[in-house]
C-alpha atoms as a PDB file:
ATOM      1  CA  UNK A   1      21.839  19.468  -1.188  1.00  0.00           C
ATOM      2  CA  UNK A   2      22.143  21.098   2.241  1.00  0.00           C
ATOM      3  CA  UNK A   3      19.803  23.939   1.262  1.00  0.00           C
ATOM      4  CA  UNK A   4      17.354  21.378  -0.175  1.00  0.00           C
ATOM      5  CA  UNK A   5      17.325  19.475   3.140  1.00  0.00           C
ATOM      6  CA  UNK A   6      16.898  22.684   5.151  1.00  0.00           C
ATOM      7  CA  UNK A   7      13.875  23.603   3.025  1.00  0.00           C
ATOM      8  CA  UNK A   8      12.368  20.156   3.627  1.00  0.00           C
ATOM      9  CA  UNK A   9      12.868  20.422   7.375  1.00  0.00           C
ATOM     10  CA  UNK A  10      11.261  23.886   7.401  1.00  0.00           C
ATOM     11  CA  UNK A  11       8.181  22.369   5.755  1.00  0.00           C
ATOM     12  CA  UNK A  12       8.156  19.540   8.315  1.00  0.00           C
ATOM     13  CA  UNK A  13       8.527  21.977  11.200  1.00  0.00           C
ATOM     14  CA  UNK A  14       5.587  24.060   9.963  1.00  0.00           C
ATOM     15  CA  UNK A  15       3.358  20.965   9.631  1.00  0.00           C
ATOM     16  CA  UNK A  16       3.856  19.693  13.190  1.00  0.00           C
ATOM     17  CA  UNK A  17       0.881  19.546  15.542  1.00  0.00           C
ATOM     18  CA  UNK A  18       1.300  20.895  19.081  1.00  0.00           C
ATOM     19  CA  UNK A  19       3.384  18.500  21.186  1.00  0.00           C
ATOM     20  CA  UNK A  20       4.894  16.692  18.194  1.00  0.00           C
ATOM     21  CA  UNK A  21       8.606  16.396  17.495  1.00  0.00           C
ATOM     22  CA  UNK A  22      10.430  14.756  14.629  1.00  0.00           C
ATOM     23  CA  UNK A  23      13.730  13.423  13.433  1.00  0.00           C
ATOM     24  CA  UNK A  24      14.665  13.520   9.768  1.00  0.00           C
ATOM     25  CA  UNK A  25      17.513  12.157   7.708  1.00  0.00           C
ATOM     26  CA  UNK A  26      18.235  12.603   4.041  1.00  0.00           C
ATOM     27  CA  UNK A  27      20.089  10.262   1.674  1.00  0.00           C
ATOM     28  CA  UNK A  28      21.020  11.421  -1.813  1.00  0.00           C
ATOM     29  CA  UNK A  29      23.175  10.261  -4.686  1.00  0.00           C
ATOM     30  CA  UNK A  30      24.002  11.782  -8.039  1.00  0.00           C
ATOM     31  CA  UNK A  31      26.323   9.619 -10.090  1.00  0.00           C
ATOM     32  CA  UNK A  32      27.292   9.489 -13.757  1.00  0.00           C
ATOM     33  CA  UNK A  33      28.129   6.058 -15.123  1.00  0.00           C
ATOM     34  CA  UNK A  34      28.995   4.262 -18.342  1.00  0.00           C
ATOM     35  CA  UNK A  35      28.307   0.608 -19.066  1.00  0.00           C
ATOM     36  CA  UNK A  36      30.719  -0.943 -21.501  1.00  0.00           C
ATOM     37  CA  UNK A  37      30.770  -4.182 -23.482  1.00  0.00           C
ATOM     38  CA  UNK A  38      33.744  -5.393 -25.521  1.00  0.00           C
ATOM     39  CA  UNK A  39      35.451  -2.017 -25.139  1.00  0.00           C
ATOM     40  CA  UNK A  40      32.501  -0.032 -26.504  1.00  0.00           C
ATOM     41  CA  UNK A  41      30.231   2.342 -24.648  1.00  0.00           C
ATOM     42  CA  UNK A  42      26.820   0.689 -24.475  1.00  0.00           C
ATOM     43  CA  UNK A  43      24.867   2.755 -21.990  1.00  0.00           C
ATOM     44  CA  UNK A  44      25.854   6.104 -20.501  1.00  0.00           C
ATOM     45  CA  UNK A  45      23.565   7.362 -17.767  1.00  0.00           C
ATOM     46  CA  UNK A  46      23.018   9.262 -14.568  1.00  0.00           C
ATOM     47  CA  UNK A  47      21.596   8.098 -11.257  1.00  0.00           C
ATOM     48  CA  UNK A  48      19.867  10.828  -9.238  1.00  0.00           C
ATOM     49  CA  UNK A  49      18.159   9.537  -6.087  1.00  0.00           C
ATOM     50  CA  UNK A  50      16.859  11.255  -2.943  1.00  0.00           C
ATOM     51  CA  UNK A  51      15.238   9.688   0.125  1.00  0.00           C
ATOM     52  CA  UNK A  52      13.759  11.374   3.184  1.00  0.00           C
ATOM     53  CA  UNK A  53      13.385   9.394   6.417  1.00  0.00           C
ATOM     54  CA  UNK A  54      10.983  11.013   8.919  1.00  0.00           C
ATOM     55  CA  UNK A  55      10.088   9.861  12.399  1.00  0.00           C
ATOM     56  CA  UNK A  56       7.237  11.644  14.200  1.00  0.00           C
ATOM     57  CA  UNK A  57       7.214  11.550  17.989  1.00  0.00           C
ATOM     58  CA  UNK A  58       4.406  12.552  20.333  1.00  0.00           C
ATOM     59  CA  UNK A  59       4.849  11.408  23.902  1.00  0.00           C
ATOM     60  CA  UNK A  60       5.527   7.675  23.770  1.00  0.00           C
ATOM     61  CA  UNK A  61       4.013   7.234  20.305  1.00  0.00           C
ATOM     62  CA  UNK A  62       6.277   7.049  17.270  1.00  0.00           C
ATOM     63  CA  UNK A  63       5.581   6.764  13.538  1.00  0.00           C
ATOM     64  CA  UNK A  64       8.151   6.592  10.767  1.00  0.00           C
ATOM     65  CA  UNK A  65       8.113   6.787   7.000  1.00  0.00           C
ATOM     66  CA  UNK A  66      10.598   6.830   4.126  1.00  0.00           C
ATOM     67  CA  UNK A  67       9.725   8.559   0.883  1.00  0.00           C
ATOM     68  CA  UNK A  68      11.480   9.023  -2.453  1.00  0.00           C
ATOM     69  CA  UNK A  69      11.853  12.631  -3.593  1.00  0.00           C
ATOM     70  CA  UNK A  70      12.037  14.037  -7.103  1.00  0.00           C
ATOM     71  CA  UNK A  71      14.267  16.989  -6.313  1.00  0.00           C
ATOM     72  CA  UNK A  72      11.568  19.472  -7.319  1.00  0.00           C
ATOM     73  CA  UNK A  73      10.440  21.259  -4.149  1.00  0.00           C
ATOM     74  CA  UNK A  74       7.171  22.380  -5.723  1.00  0.00           C
END
């Protein structure tokens, strides 16, 4: 996940206009789970979530956005 985040920040850095700065944070989870009912497996599954929080800063102006990512950098 660290390499994934570094790739995202490289893309952000390249897209900045002159005088802009940014902060970015990344939240991710990959969890396997099993739901059971009466001792029987009812629903096995996997949760795979990624969120990128970006805040653009230019002088005293700030803009922020959170987006959900698929995990596919393309």
